[in-house]
Amino acid sequence: MSHQPHVGAADPAAGVDFPTAQRSPEFQELRRTHRSFVFPLAVAFLVWYLLYVVLAMYAPDLFTIRVIGNVNLGVLLGLLQFVTTFAITGAYVSFANRKLDPKATAIREDLESRQAGAAGRPGQEN
């Protein structure tokens, strides 16, 4: 079942030229900032994950080394996968709050003010 807007319902995005907004220097800077954080971190995590899998396949004796009591290196490395995931999530949330959200808010507010300005001009359709 697809969601269709009600006939006559106001569409807050109507009249926004999204392709032009996407080509704007502000939007391109937002994309660059996002990619500069996400891509290196994603690559680092994938390398770390693949290292874990490769070590499990080709160096299983390494995983049997006891670290604390009956806890071996394999268990610790496996648990570190979860710790790494949570750490990356926390780092991304912090980064987004500091760097991405203010830029995205500025772009949204600019688009909204342009739309409000265009809607207030006589002779223009909304």
PDB file of N, CA and C in Angstrom:
ATOM      1  N   MET A   1       0.846  -1.161   0.000  1.00  0.00           N
ATOM      2  CA  MET A   1       0.000   0.000   0.000  1.00  0.00           C
ATOM      3  C   MET A   1       0.895   1.228   0.000  1.00  0.00           C
ATOM      4  N   SER A   2       0.782   2.048  -1.026  1.00  0.00           N
ATOM      5  CA  SER A   2       1.626   3.234  -1.095  1.00  0.00           C
ATOM      6  C   SER A   2       0.942   4.402  -0.419  1.00  0.00           C
ATOM      7  N   HIS A   3       1.763   5.291   0.106  1.00  0.00           N
ATOM      8  CA  HIS A   3       1.254   6.462   0.799  1.00  0.00           C
ATOM      9  C   HIS A   3       1.097   7.585  -0.210  1.00  0.00           C
ATOM     10  N   GLN A   4      -0.117   8.037  -0.402  1.00  0.00           N
ATOM     11  CA  GLN A   4      -0.402   9.143  -1.311  1.00  0.00           C
ATOM     12  C   GLN A   4      -0.831  10.345  -0.486  1.00  0.00           C
ATOM     13  N   PRO A   5      -0.312  11.528  -0.791  1.00  0.00           N
ATOM     14  CA  PRO A   5      -0.744  12.710  -0.030  1.00  0.00           C
ATOM     15  C   PRO A   5      -2.212  12.988  -0.298  1.00  0.00           C
ATOM     16  N   HIS A   6      -2.861  13.561   0.694  1.00  0.00           N
ATOM     17  CA  HIS A   6      -4.254  13.935   0.542  1.00  0.00           C
ATOM     18  C   HIS A   6      -4.367  15.041  -0.498  1.00  0.00           C
ATOM     19  N   VAL A   7      -5.431  14.992  -1.263  1.00  0.00           N
ATOM     20  CA  VAL A   7      -5.673  16.032  -2.256  1.00  0.00           C
ATOM     21  C   VAL A   7      -5.828  17.350  -1.533  1.00  0.00           C
ATOM     22  N   GLY A   8      -5.072  18.341  -1.968  1.00  0.00           N
ATOM     23  CA  GLY A   8      -5.149  19.657  -1.369  1.00  0.00           C
ATOM     24  C   GLY A   8      -4.228  19.832  -0.169  1.00  0.00           C
ATOM     25  N   ALA A   9      -3.536  18.758   0.240  1.00  0.00           N
ATOM     26  CA  ALA A   9      -2.624  18.885   1.379  1.00  0.00           C
ATOM     27  C   ALA A   9      -1.415  19.704   0.965  1.00  0.00           C
ATOM     28  N   ALA A  10      -0.973  20.569   1.855  1.00  0.00           N
ATOM     29  CA  ALA A  10       0.183  21.418   1.570  1.00  0.00           C
ATOM     30  C   ALA A  10       1.447  20.573   1.589  1.00  0.00           C
ATOM     31  N   ASP A  11       2.247  20.696   0.550  1.00  0.00           N
ATOM     32  CA  ASP A  11       3.513  19.991   0.458  1.00  0.00           C
ATOM     33  C   ASP A  11       4.619  20.987   0.759  1.00  0.00           C
ATOM     34  N   PRO A  12       5.294  20.854   1.914  1.00  0.00           N
ATOM     35  CA  PRO A  12       6.303  21.835   2.275  1.00  0.00           C
ATOM     36  C   PRO A  12       7.483  21.845   1.305  1.00  0.00           C
ATOM     37  N   ALA A  13       7.678  20.770   0.543  1.00  0.00           N
ATOM     38  CA  ALA A  13       8.798  20.722  -0.395  1.00  0.00           C
ATOM     39  C   ALA A  13       8.409  21.205  -1.785  1.00  0.00           C
ATOM     40  N   ALA A  14       7.120  21.492  -2.008  1.00  0.00           N
ATOM     41  CA  ALA A  14       6.688  21.934  -3.330  1.00  0.00           C
ATOM     42  C   ALA A  14       7.380  23.243  -3.686  1.00  0.00           C
ATOM     43  N   GLY A  15       7.863  23.321  -4.878  1.00  0.00           N
ATOM     44  CA  GLY A  15       8.498  24.542  -5.340  1.00  0.00           C
ATOM     45  C   GLY A  15       9.982  24.618  -5.044  1.00  0.00           C
ATOM     46  N   VAL A  16      10.538  23.662  -4.307  1.00  0.00           N
ATOM     47  CA  VAL A  16      11.969  23.664  -4.027  1.00  0.00           C
ATOM     48  C   VAL A  16      12.684  23.014  -5.204  1.00  0.00           C
ATOM     49  N   ASP A  17      13.677  23.693  -5.729  1.00  0.00           N
ATOM     50  CA  ASP A  17      14.473  23.167  -6.837  1.00  0.00           C
ATOM     51  C   ASP A  17      15.620  22.344  -6.254  1.00  0.00           C
ATOM     52  N   PHE A  18      15.351  21.060  -6.000  1.00  0.00           N
ATOM     53  CA  PHE A  18      16.335  20.206  -5.351  1.00  0.00           C
ATOM     54  C   PHE A  18      17.606  20.004  -6.175  1.00  0.00           C
ATOM     55  N   PRO A  19      17.530  19.805  -7.486  1.00  0.00           N
ATOM     56  CA  PRO A  19      18.786  19.668  -8.249  1.00  0.00           C
ATOM     57  C   PRO A  19      19.699  20.894  -8.102  1.00  0.00           C
ATOM     58  N   THR A  20      19.110  22.073  -8.103  1.00  0.00           N
ATOM     59  CA  THR A  20      19.918  23.283  -7.916  1.00  0.00           C
ATOM     60  C   THR A  20      20.497  23.326  -6.509  1.00  0.00           C
ATOM     61  N   ALA A  21      19.687  22.962  -5.527  1.00  0.00           N
ATOM     62  CA  ALA A  21      20.171  22.937  -4.136  1.00  0.00           C
ATOM     63  C   ALA A  21      21.318  21.941  -3.982  1.00  0.00           C
ATOM     64  N   GLN A  22      21.226  20.801  -4.663  1.00  0.00           N
ATOM     65  CA  GLN A  22      22.281  19.791  -4.574  1.00  0.00           C
ATOM     66  C   GLN A  22      23.573  20.252  -5.235  1.00  0.00           C
ATOM     67  N   ARG A  23      23.482  21.128  -6.204  1.00  0.00           N
ATOM     68  CA  ARG A  23      24.679  21.646  -6.874  1.00  0.00           C
ATOM     69  C   ARG A  23      25.298  22.832  -6.141  1.00  0.00           C
ATOM     70  N   SER A  24      24.623  23.332  -5.111  1.00  0.00           N
ATOM     71  CA  SER A  24      25.113  24.516  -4.402  1.00  0.00           C
ATOM     72  C   SER A  24      26.432  24.207  -3.691  1.00  0.00           C
ATOM     73  N   PRO A  25      27.283  25.205  -3.538  1.00  0.00           N
ATOM     74  CA  PRO A  25      28.553  24.986  -2.821  1.00  0.00           C
ATOM     75  C   PRO A  25      28.342  24.525  -1.379  1.00  0.00           C
ATOM     76  N   GLU A  26      27.284  25.005  -0.735  1.00  0.00           N
ATOM     77  CA  GLU A  26      27.014  24.611   0.647  1.00  0.00           C
ATOM     78  C   GLU A  26      26.687  23.116   0.745  1.00  0.00           C
ATOM     79  N   PHE A  27      25.861  22.637  -0.182  1.00  0.00           N
ATOM     80  CA  PHE A  27      25.495  21.224  -0.171  1.00  0.00           C
ATOM     81  C   PHE A  27      26.703  20.353  -0.515  1.00  0.00           C
ATOM     82  N   GLN A  28      27.499  20.800  -1.484  1.00  0.00           N
ATOM     83  CA  GLN A  28      28.698  20.046  -1.852  1.00  0.00           C
ATOM     84  C   GLN A  28      29.677  19.974  -0.678  1.00  0.00           C
ATOM     85  N   GLU A  29      29.787  21.053   0.084  1.00  0.00           N
ATOM     86  CA  GLU A  29      30.647  21.057   1.275  1.00  0.00           C
ATOM     87  C   GLU A  29      30.105  20.090   2.325  1.00  0.00           C
ATOM     88  N   LEU A  30      28.795  20.051   2.489  1.00  0.00           N
ATOM     89  CA  LEU A  30      28.179  19.099   3.421  1.00  0.00           C
ATOM     90  C   LEU A  30      28.509  17.668   3.005  1.00  0.00           C
ATOM     91  N   ARG A  31      28.386  17.368   1.732  1.00  0.00           N
ATOM     92  CA  ARG A  31      28.710  16.020   1.229  1.00  0.00           C
ATOM     93  C   ARG A  31      30.181  15.683   1.442  1.00  0.00           C
ATOM     94  N   ARG A  32      31.062  16.658   1.161  1.00  0.00           N
ATOM     95  CA  ARG A  32      32.496  16.439   1.356  1.00  0.00           C
ATOM     96  C   ARG A  32      32.812  16.163   2.828  1.00  0.00           C
ATOM     97  N   THR A  33      32.211  16.939   3.700  1.00  0.00           N
ATOM     98  CA  THR A  33      32.433  16.766   5.143  1.00  0.00           C
ATOM     99  C   THR A  33      31.956  15.381   5.587  1.00  0.00           C
ATOM    100  N   HIS A  34      30.782  14.979   5.122  1.00  0.00           N
ATOM    101  CA  HIS A  34      30.234  13.665   5.465  1.00  0.00           C
ATOM    102  C   HIS A  34      31.145  12.550   4.962  1.00  0.00           C
ATOM    103  N   ARG A  35      31.507  12.628   3.699  1.00  0.00           N
ATOM    104  CA  ARG A  35      32.342  11.578   3.102  1.00  0.00           C
ATOM    105  C   ARG A  35      33.727  11.508   3.727  1.00  0.00           C
ATOM    106  N   SER A  36      34.282  12.654   4.103  1.00  0.00           N
ATOM    107  CA  SER A  36      35.632  12.662   4.678  1.00  0.00           C
ATOM    108  C   SER A  36      35.672  11.930   6.015  1.00  0.00           C
ATOM    109  N   PHE A  37      34.541  11.812   6.674  1.00  0.00           N
ATOM    110  CA  PHE A  37      34.477  11.078   7.940  1.00  0.00           C
ATOM    111  C   PHE A  37      34.047   9.634   7.715  1.00  0.00           C
ATOM    112  N   VAL A  38      32.988   9.453   6.951  1.00  0.00           N
ATOM    113  CA  VAL A  38      32.367   8.135   6.823  1.00  0.00           C
ATOM    114  C   VAL A  38      33.235   7.145   6.037  1.00  0.00           C
ATOM    115  N   PHE A  39      33.751   7.547   4.894  1.00  0.00           N
ATOM    116  CA  PHE A  39      34.490   6.593   4.067  1.00  0.00           C
ATOM    117  C   PHE A  39      35.748   6.051   4.746  1.00  0.00           C
ATOM    118  N   PRO A  40      36.623   6.893   5.302  1.00  0.00           N
ATOM    119  CA  PRO A  40      37.804   6.323   5.966  1.00  0.00           C
ATOM    120  C   PRO A  40      37.450   5.424   7.149  1.00  0.00           C
ATOM    121  N   LEU A  41      36.444   5.820   7.916  1.00  0.00           N
ATOM    122  CA  LEU A  41      36.053   5.008   9.061  1.00  0.00           C
ATOM    123  C   LEU A  41      35.438   3.681   8.614  1.00  0.00           C
ATOM    124  N   ALA A  42      34.657   3.704   7.555  1.00  0.00           N
ATOM    125  CA  ALA A  42      34.066   2.467   7.029  1.00  0.00           C
ATOM    126  C   ALA A  42      35.157   1.529   6.513  1.00  0.00           C
ATOM    127  N   VAL A  43      36.129   2.078   5.813  1.00  0.00           N
ATOM    128  CA  VAL A  43      37.234   1.255   5.297  1.00  0.00           C
ATOM    129  C   VAL A  43      38.024   0.662   6.462  1.00  0.00           C
ATOM    130  N   ALA A  44      38.329   1.489   7.468  1.00  0.00           N
ATOM    131  CA  ALA A  44      39.078   0.996   8.628  1.00  0.00           C
ATOM    132  C   ALA A  44      38.321  -0.130   9.331  1.00  0.00           C
ATOM    133  N   PHE A  45      37.003   0.043   9.494  1.00  0.00           N
ATOM    134  CA  PHE A  45      36.234  -1.001  10.166  1.00  0.00           C
ATOM    135  C   PHE A  45      36.196  -2.274   9.327  1.00  0.00           C
ATOM    136  N   LEU A  46      36.012  -2.150   8.026  1.00  0.00           N
ATOM    137  CA  LEU A  46      35.973  -3.343   7.174  1.00  0.00           C
ATOM    138  C   LEU A  46      37.311  -4.079   7.185  1.00  0.00           C
ATOM    139  N   VAL A  47      38.404  -3.336   7.186  1.00  0.00           N
ATOM    140  CA  VAL A  47      39.725  -3.970   7.272  1.00  0.00           C
ATOM    141  C   VAL A  47      39.867  -4.712   8.600  1.00  0.00           C
ATOM    142  N   TRP A  48      39.440  -4.073   9.688  1.00  0.00           N
ATOM    143  CA  TRP A  48      39.498  -4.686  11.016  1.00  0.00           C
ATOM    144  C   TRP A  48      38.644  -5.956  11.054  1.00  0.00           C
ATOM    145  N   TYR A  49      37.434  -5.885  10.480  1.00  0.00           N
ATOM    146  CA  TYR A  49      36.544  -7.047  10.460  1.00  0.00           C
ATOM    147  C   TYR A  49      37.137  -8.174   9.615  1.00  0.00           C
ATOM    148  N   LEU A  50      37.642  -7.820   8.426  1.00  0.00           N
ATOM    149  CA  LEU A  50      38.230  -8.853   7.560  1.00  0.00           C
ATOM    150  C   LEU A  50      39.490  -9.458   8.179  1.00  0.00           C
ATOM    151  N   LEU A  51      40.263  -8.647   8.890  1.00  0.00           N
ATOM    152  CA  LEU A  51      41.433  -9.172   9.588  1.00  0.00           C
ATOM    153  C   LEU A  51      41.005 -10.222  10.608  1.00  0.00           C
ATOM    154  N   TYR A  52      39.939  -9.928  11.323  1.00  0.00           N
ATOM    155  CA  TYR A  52      39.404 -10.877  12.300  1.00  0.00           C
ATOM    156  C   TYR A  52      39.006 -12.198  11.618  1.00  0.00           C
ATOM    157  N   VAL A  53      38.296 -12.097  10.517  1.00  0.00           N
ATOM    158  CA  VAL A  53      37.849 -13.299   9.798  1.00  0.00           C
ATOM    159  C   VAL A  53      39.044 -14.068   9.231  1.00  0.00           C
ATOM    160  N   VAL A  54      39.985 -13.353   8.623  1.00  0.00           N
ATOM    161  CA  VAL A  54      41.162 -14.006   8.036  1.00  0.00           C
ATOM    162  C   VAL A  54      41.989 -14.682   9.120  1.00  0.00           C
ATOM    163  N   LEU A  55      42.177 -14.008  10.253  1.00  0.00           N
ATOM    164  CA  LEU A  55      42.913 -14.638  11.352  1.00  0.00           C
ATOM    165  C   LEU A  55      42.191 -15.889  11.845  1.00  0.00           C
ATOM    166  N   ALA A  56      40.867 -15.823  11.935  1.00  0.00           N
ATOM    167  CA  ALA A  56      40.097 -16.992  12.375  1.00  0.00           C
ATOM    168  C   ALA A  56      40.257 -18.155  11.393  1.00  0.00           C
ATOM    169  N   MET A  57      40.370 -17.835  10.112  1.00  0.00           N
ATOM    170  CA  MET A  57      40.500 -18.891   9.101  1.00  0.00           C
ATOM    171  C   MET A  57      41.921 -19.445   9.018  1.00  0.00           C
ATOM    172  N   TYR A  58      42.912 -18.573   9.025  1.00  0.00           N
ATOM    173  CA  TYR A  58      44.272 -18.996   8.727  1.00  0.00           C
ATOM    174  C   TYR A  58      45.199 -19.065   9.943  1.00  0.00           C
ATOM    175  N   ALA A  59      44.767 -18.552  11.076  1.00  0.00           N
ATOM    176  CA  ALA A  59      45.589 -18.630  12.286  1.00  0.00           C
ATOM    177  C   ALA A  59      44.716 -18.989  13.489  1.00  0.00           C
ATOM    178  N   PRO A  60      44.023 -20.107  13.405  1.00  0.00           N
ATOM    179  CA  PRO A  60      43.105 -20.452  14.499  1.00  0.00           C
ATOM    180  C   PRO A  60      43.824 -20.675  15.825  1.00  0.00           C
ATOM    181  N   ASP A  61      45.088 -21.073  15.777  1.00  0.00           N
ATOM    182  CA  ASP A  61      45.828 -21.265  17.029  1.00  0.00           C
ATOM    183  C   ASP A  61      45.995 -19.952  17.778  1.00  0.00           C
ATOM    184  N   LEU A  62      46.049 -18.860  17.062  1.00  0.00           N
ATOM    185  CA  LEU A  62      46.154 -17.548  17.684  1.00  0.00           C
ATOM    186  C   LEU A  62      44.928 -17.263  18.557  1.00  0.00           C
ATOM    187  N   PHE A  63      43.794 -17.734  18.100  1.00  0.00           N
ATOM    188  CA  PHE A  63      42.541 -17.474  18.820  1.00  0.00           C
ATOM    189  C   PHE A  63      42.423 -18.302  20.098  1.00  0.00           C
ATOM    190  N   THR A  64      43.223 -19.347  20.221  1.00  0.00           N
ATOM    191  CA  THR A  64      43.136 -20.214  21.412  1.00  0.00           C
ATOM    192  C   THR A  64      44.029 -19.750  22.553  1.00  0.00           C
ATOM    193  N   ILE A  65      44.797 -18.696  22.331  1.00  0.00           N
ATOM    194  CA  ILE A  65      45.674 -18.186  23.386  1.00  0.00           C
ATOM    195  C   ILE A  65      44.810 -17.656  24.528  1.00  0.00           C
ATOM    196  N   ARG A  66      45.057 -18.190  25.721  1.00  0.00           N
ATOM    197  CA  ARG A  66      44.299 -17.749  26.904  1.00  0.00           C
ATOM    198  C   ARG A  66      44.821 -16.390  27.357  1.00  0.00           C
ATOM    199  N   VAL A  67      43.870 -15.519  27.672  1.00  0.00           N
ATOM    200  CA  VAL A  67      44.229 -14.173  28.111  1.00  0.00           C
ATOM    201  C   VAL A  67      43.962 -14.018  29.604  1.00  0.00           C
ATOM    202  N   ILE A  68      42.710 -14.269  29.999  1.00  0.00           N
ATOM    203  CA  ILE A  68      42.324 -14.175  31.412  1.00  0.00           C
ATOM    204  C   ILE A  68      41.475 -15.397  31.734  1.00  0.00           C
ATOM    205  N   GLY A  69      41.962 -16.272  32.591  1.00  0.00           N
ATOM    206  CA  GLY A  69      41.201 -17.467  32.949  1.00  0.00           C
ATOM    207  C   GLY A  69      40.893 -18.297  31.716  1.00  0.00           C
ATOM    208  N   ASN A  70      39.599 -18.564  31.501  1.00  0.00           N
ATOM    209  CA  ASN A  70      39.186 -19.329  30.326  1.00  0.00           C
ATOM    210  C   ASN A  70      38.858 -18.450  29.125  1.00  0.00           C
ATOM    211  N   VAL A  71      39.080 -17.169  29.238  1.00  0.00           N
ATOM    212  CA  VAL A  71      38.808 -16.240  28.132  1.00  0.00           C
ATOM    213  C   VAL A  71      40.026 -16.231  27.216  1.00  0.00           C
ATOM    214  N   ASN A  72      39.775 -16.563  25.948  1.00  0.00           N
ATOM    215  CA  ASN A  72      40.897 -16.601  25.004  1.00  0.00           C
ATOM    216  C   ASN A  72      40.896 -15.375  24.091  1.00  0.00           C
ATOM    217  N   LEU A  73      41.926 -15.256  23.289  1.00  0.00           N
ATOM    218  CA  LEU A  73      42.088 -14.106  22.405  1.00  0.00           C
ATOM    219  C   LEU A  73      40.963 -14.014  21.371  1.00  0.00           C
ATOM    220  N   GLY A  74      40.467 -15.147  20.918  1.00  0.00           N
ATOM    221  CA  GLY A  74      39.365 -15.149  19.947  1.00  0.00           C
ATOM    222  C   GLY A  74      38.114 -14.489  20.504  1.00  0.00           C
ATOM    223  N   VAL A  75      37.793 -14.797  21.747  1.00  0.00           N
ATOM    224  CA  VAL A  75      36.614 -14.198  22.388  1.00  0.00           C
ATOM    225  C   VAL A  75      36.825 -12.693  22.542  1.00  0.00           C
ATOM    226  N   LEU A  76      38.006 -12.299  22.986  1.00  0.00           N
ATOM    227  CA  LEU A  76      38.269 -10.866  23.163  1.00  0.00           C
ATOM    228  C   LEU A  76      38.199 -10.119  21.838  1.00  0.00           C
ATOM    229  N   LEU A  77      38.792 -10.673  20.796  1.00  0.00           N
ATOM    230  CA  LEU A  77      38.735 -10.008  19.487  1.00  0.00           C
ATOM    231  C   LEU A  77      37.305  -9.942  18.965  1.00  0.00           C
ATOM    232  N   GLY A  78      36.533 -10.996  19.216  1.00  0.00           N
ATOM    233  CA  GLY A  78      35.126 -10.997  18.811  1.00  0.00           C
ATOM    234  C   GLY A  78      34.335  -9.923  19.545  1.00  0.00           C
ATOM    235  N   LEU A  79      34.559  -9.809  20.840  1.00  0.00           N
ATOM    236  CA  LEU A  79      33.871  -8.772  21.618  1.00  0.00           C
ATOM    237  C   LEU A  79      34.323  -7.374  21.195  1.00  0.00           C
ATOM    238  N   LEU A  80      35.580  -7.257  20.807  1.00  0.00           N
ATOM    239  CA  LEU A  80      36.070  -5.955  20.332  1.00  0.00           C
ATOM    240  C   LEU A  80      35.360  -5.513  19.050  1.00  0.00           C
ATOM    241  N   GLN A  81      34.839  -6.463  18.285  1.00  0.00           N
ATOM    242  CA  GLN A  81      34.059  -6.098  17.107  1.00  0.00           C
ATOM    243  C   GLN A  81      32.826  -5.291  17.536  1.00  0.00           C
ATOM    244  N   PHE A  82      32.176  -5.744  18.604  1.00  0.00           N
ATOM    245  CA  PHE A  82      31.007  -5.015  19.113  1.00  0.00           C
ATOM    246  C   PHE A  82      31.413  -3.660  19.685  1.00  0.00           C
ATOM    247  N   VAL A  83      32.487  -3.646  20.448  1.00  0.00           N
ATOM    248  CA  VAL A  83      32.968  -2.397  21.040  1.00  0.00           C
ATOM    249  C   VAL A  83      33.296  -1.398  19.940  1.00  0.00           C
ATOM    250  N   THR A  84      33.953  -1.872  18.897  1.00  0.00           N
ATOM    251  CA  THR A  84      34.306  -1.010  17.773  1.00  0.00           C
ATOM    252  C   THR A  84      33.057  -0.447  17.104  1.00  0.00           C
ATOM    253  N   THR A  85      32.057  -1.276  16.926  1.00  0.00           N
ATOM    254  CA  THR A  85      30.808  -0.822  16.304  1.00  0.00           C
ATOM    255  C   THR A  85      30.160   0.287  17.119  1.00  0.00           C
ATOM    256  N   PHE A  86      30.081   0.097  18.428  1.00  0.00           N
ATOM    257  CA  PHE A  86      29.488   1.126  19.290  1.00  0.00           C
ATOM    258  C   PHE A  86      30.341   2.394  19.307  1.00  0.00           C
ATOM    259  N   ALA A  87      31.662   2.235  19.310  1.00  0.00           N
ATOM    260  CA  ALA A  87      32.552   3.402  19.304  1.00  0.00           C
ATOM    261  C   ALA A  87      32.399   4.202  18.010  1.00  0.00           C
ATOM    262  N   ILE A  88      32.301   3.507  16.898  1.00  0.00           N
ATOM    263  CA  ILE A  88      32.117   4.190  15.614  1.00  0.00           C
ATOM    264  C   ILE A  88      30.776   4.909  15.590  1.00  0.00           C
ATOM    265  N   THR A  89      29.739   4.262  16.096  1.00  0.00           N
ATOM    266  CA  THR A  89      28.421   4.901  16.146  1.00  0.00           C
ATOM    267  C   THR A  89      28.470   6.163  16.992  1.00  0.00           C
ATOM    268  N   GLY A  90      29.084   6.083  18.152  1.00  0.00           N
ATOM    269  CA  GLY A  90      29.209   7.249  19.022  1.00  0.00           C
ATOM    270  C   GLY A  90      30.021   8.359  18.368  1.00  0.00           C
ATOM    271  N   ALA A  91      31.112   7.987  17.712  1.00  0.00           N
ATOM    272  CA  ALA A  91      31.942   8.988  17.033  1.00  0.00           C
ATOM    273  C   ALA A  91      31.165   9.658  15.907  1.00  0.00           C
ATOM    274  N   TYR A  92      30.372   8.867  15.166  1.00  0.00           N
ATOM    275  CA  TYR A  92      29.589   9.451  14.071  1.00  0.00           C
ATOM    276  C   TYR A  92      28.521  10.410  14.607  1.00  0.00           C
ATOM    277  N   VAL A  93      27.839  10.010  15.657  1.00  0.00           N
ATOM    278  CA  VAL A  93      26.805  10.876  16.230  1.00  0.00           C
ATOM    279  C   VAL A  93      27.424  12.192  16.696  1.00  0.00           C
ATOM    280  N   SER A  94      28.556  12.101  17.362  1.00  0.00           N
ATOM    281  CA  SER A  94      29.243  13.311  17.822  1.00  0.00           C
ATOM    282  C   SER A  94      29.675  14.179  16.639  1.00  0.00           C
ATOM    283  N   PHE A  95      30.250  13.554  15.627  1.00  0.00           N
ATOM    284  CA  PHE A  95      30.692  14.272  14.435  1.00  0.00           C
ATOM    285  C   PHE A  95      29.511  14.932  13.733  1.00  0.00           C
ATOM    286  N   ALA A  96      28.423  14.184  13.592  1.00  0.00           N
ATOM    287  CA  ALA A  96      27.237  14.728  12.918  1.00  0.00           C
ATOM    288  C   ALA A  96      26.671  15.914  13.697  1.00  0.00           C
ATOM    289  N   ASN A  97      26.625  15.801  15.014  1.00  0.00           N
ATOM    290  CA  ASN A  97      26.112  16.903  15.829  1.00  0.00           C
ATOM    291  C   ASN A  97      26.973  18.153  15.698  1.00  0.00           C
ATOM    292  N   ARG A  98      28.287  17.966  15.640  1.00  0.00           N
ATOM    293  CA  ARG A  98      29.198  19.112  15.581  1.00  0.00           C
ATOM    294  C   ARG A  98      29.369  19.682  14.181  1.00  0.00           C
ATOM    295  N   LYS A  99      29.468  18.809  13.173  1.00  0.00           N
ATOM    296  CA  LYS A  99      29.867  19.252  11.836  1.00  0.00           C
ATOM    297  C   LYS A  99      28.755  19.203  10.791  1.00  0.00           C
ATOM    298  N   LEU A 100      27.964  18.136  10.801  1.00  0.00           N
ATOM    299  CA  LEU A 100      26.981  17.952   9.732  1.00  0.00           C
ATOM    300  C   LEU A 100      25.668  18.680  10.007  1.00  0.00           C
ATOM    301  N   ASP A 101      25.147  18.527  11.206  1.00  0.00           N
ATOM    302  CA  ASP A 101      23.839  19.108  11.518  1.00  0.00           C
ATOM    303  C   ASP A 101      23.790  20.624  11.342  1.00  0.00           C
ATOM    304  N   PRO A 102      24.808  21.381  11.798  1.00  0.00           N
ATOM    305  CA  PRO A 102      24.732  22.828  11.576  1.00  0.00           C
ATOM    306  C   PRO A 102      24.714  23.200  10.083  1.00  0.00           C
ATOM    307  N   LYS A 103      25.486  22.484   9.273  1.00  0.00           N
ATOM    308  CA  LYS A 103      25.497  22.762   7.830  1.00  0.00           C
ATOM    309  C   LYS A 103      24.168  22.380   7.189  1.00  0.00           C
ATOM    310  N   ALA A 104      23.630  21.225   7.575  1.00  0.00           N
ATOM    311  CA  ALA A 104      22.350  20.784   7.023  1.00  0.00           C
ATOM    312  C   ALA A 104      21.224  21.723   7.442  1.00  0.00           C
ATOM    313  N   THR A 105      21.265  22.189   8.683  1.00  0.00           N
ATOM    314  CA  THR A 105      20.249  23.127   9.162  1.00  0.00           C
ATOM    315  C   THR A 105      20.315  24.438   8.389  1.00  0.00           C
ATOM    316  N   ALA A 106      21.521  24.927   8.134  1.00  0.00           N
ATOM    317  CA  ALA A 106      21.673  26.168   7.378  1.00  0.00           C
ATOM    318  C   ALA A 106      21.120  26.017   5.956  1.00  0.00           C
ATOM    319  N   ILE A 107      21.383  24.883   5.333  1.00  0.00           N
ATOM    320  CA  ILE A 107      20.863  24.633   3.975  1.00  0.00           C
ATOM    321  C   ILE A 107      19.340  24.575   4.007  1.00  0.00           C
ATOM    322  N   ARG A 108      18.793  23.831   4.983  1.00  0.00           N
ATOM    323  CA  ARG A 108      17.331  23.713   5.087  1.00  0.00           C
ATOM    324  C   ARG A 108      16.691  25.071   5.329  1.00  0.00           C
ATOM    325  N   GLU A 109      17.253  25.851   6.240  1.00  0.00           N
ATOM    326  CA  GLU A 109      16.686  27.165   6.531  1.00  0.00           C
ATOM    327  C   GLU A 109      16.763  28.093   5.323  1.00  0.00           C
ATOM    328  N   ASP A 110      17.841  27.990   4.562  1.00  0.00           N
ATOM    329  CA  ASP A 110      17.966  28.797   3.344  1.00  0.00           C
ATOM    330  C   ASP A 110      16.899  28.397   2.326  1.00  0.00           C
ATOM    331  N   LEU A 111      16.697  27.095   2.157  1.00  0.00           N
ATOM    332  CA  LEU A 111      15.665  26.626   1.227  1.00  0.00           C
ATOM    333  C   LEU A 111      14.275  27.061   1.682  1.00  0.00           C
ATOM    334  N   GLU A 112      14.029  26.956   2.979  1.00  0.00           N
ATOM    335  CA  GLU A 112      12.724  27.365   3.503  1.00  0.00           C
ATOM    336  C   GLU A 112      12.488  28.857   3.336  1.00  0.00           C
ATOM    337  N   SER A 113      13.536  29.661   3.561  1.00  0.00           N
ATOM    338  CA  SER A 113      13.363  31.110   3.418  1.00  0.00           C
ATOM    339  C   SER A 113      13.159  31.488   1.948  1.00  0.00           C
ATOM    340  N   ARG A 114      13.853  30.800   1.056  1.00  0.00           N
ATOM    341  CA  ARG A 114      13.636  31.046  -0.382  1.00  0.00           C
ATOM    342  C   ARG A 114      12.217  30.669  -0.784  1.00  0.00           C
ATOM    343  N   GLN A 115      11.749  29.529  -0.267  1.00  0.00           N
ATOM    344  CA  GLN A 115      10.401  29.071  -0.594  1.00  0.00           C
ATOM    345  C   GLN A 115       9.365  30.030  -0.038  1.00  0.00           C
ATOM    346  N   ALA A 116       9.579  30.498   1.187  1.00  0.00           N
ATOM    347  CA  ALA A 116       8.640  31.443   1.789  1.00  0.00           C
ATOM    348  C   ALA A 116       8.651  32.756   1.013  1.00  0.00           C
ATOM    349  N   GLY A 117       9.823  33.183   0.557  1.00  0.00           N
ATOM    350  CA  GLY A 117       9.922  34.405  -0.241  1.00  0.00           C
ATOM    351  C   GLY A 117       9.217  34.271  -1.572  1.00  0.00           C
ATOM    352  N   ALA A 118       9.366  33.095  -2.204  1.00  0.00           N
ATOM    353  CA  ALA A 118       8.708  32.867  -3.489  1.00  0.00           C
ATOM    354  C   ALA A 118       7.204  32.753  -3.303  1.00  0.00           C
ATOM    355  N   ALA A 119       6.757  32.169  -2.190  1.00  0.00           N
ATOM    356  CA  ALA A 119       5.324  32.008  -1.952  1.00  0.00           C
ATOM    357  C   ALA A 119       4.668  33.349  -1.659  1.00  0.00           C
ATOM    358  N   GLY A 120       5.441  34.287  -1.135  1.00  0.00           N
ATOM    359  CA  GLY A 120       4.879  35.591  -0.791  1.00  0.00           C
ATOM    360  C   GLY A 120       4.791  36.542  -1.954  1.00  0.00           C
ATOM    361  N   ARG A 121       5.416  36.206  -3.082  1.00  0.00           N
ATOM    362  CA  ARG A 121       5.380  37.088  -4.247  1.00  0.00           C
ATOM    363  C   ARG A 121       4.054  36.936  -4.992  1.00  0.00           C
ATOM    364  N   PRO A 122       3.408  38.039  -5.322  1.00  0.00           N
ATOM    365  CA  PRO A 122       2.142  37.916  -6.070  1.00  0.00           C
ATOM    366  C   PRO A 122       2.407  37.404  -7.485  1.00  0.00           C
ATOM    367  N   GLY A 123       1.429  36.672  -7.978  1.00  0.00           N
ATOM    368  CA  GLY A 123       1.507  36.174  -9.360  1.00  0.00           C
ATOM    369  C   GLY A 123       2.256  34.867  -9.486  1.00  0.00           C
ATOM    370  N   GLN A 124       2.715  34.285  -8.375  1.00  0.00           N
ATOM    371  CA  GLN A 124       3.424  33.013  -8.435  1.00  0.00           C
ATOM    372  C   GLN A 124       2.541  31.919  -7.880  1.00  0.00           C
ATOM    373  N   GLU A 125       2.584  30.757  -8.537  1.00  0.00           N
ATOM    374  CA  GLU A 125       1.806  29.619  -8.046  1.00  0.00           C
ATOM    375  C   GLU A 125       2.590  28.890  -6.991  1.00  0.00           C
ATOM    376  N   ASN A 126       1.886  28.306  -6.042  1.00  0.00           N
ATOM    377  CA  ASN A 126       2.527  27.499  -5.002  1.00  0.00           C
ATOM    378  C   ASN A 126       2.342  26.056  -5.290  1.00  0.00           C
TER     379      ASN A 126
END
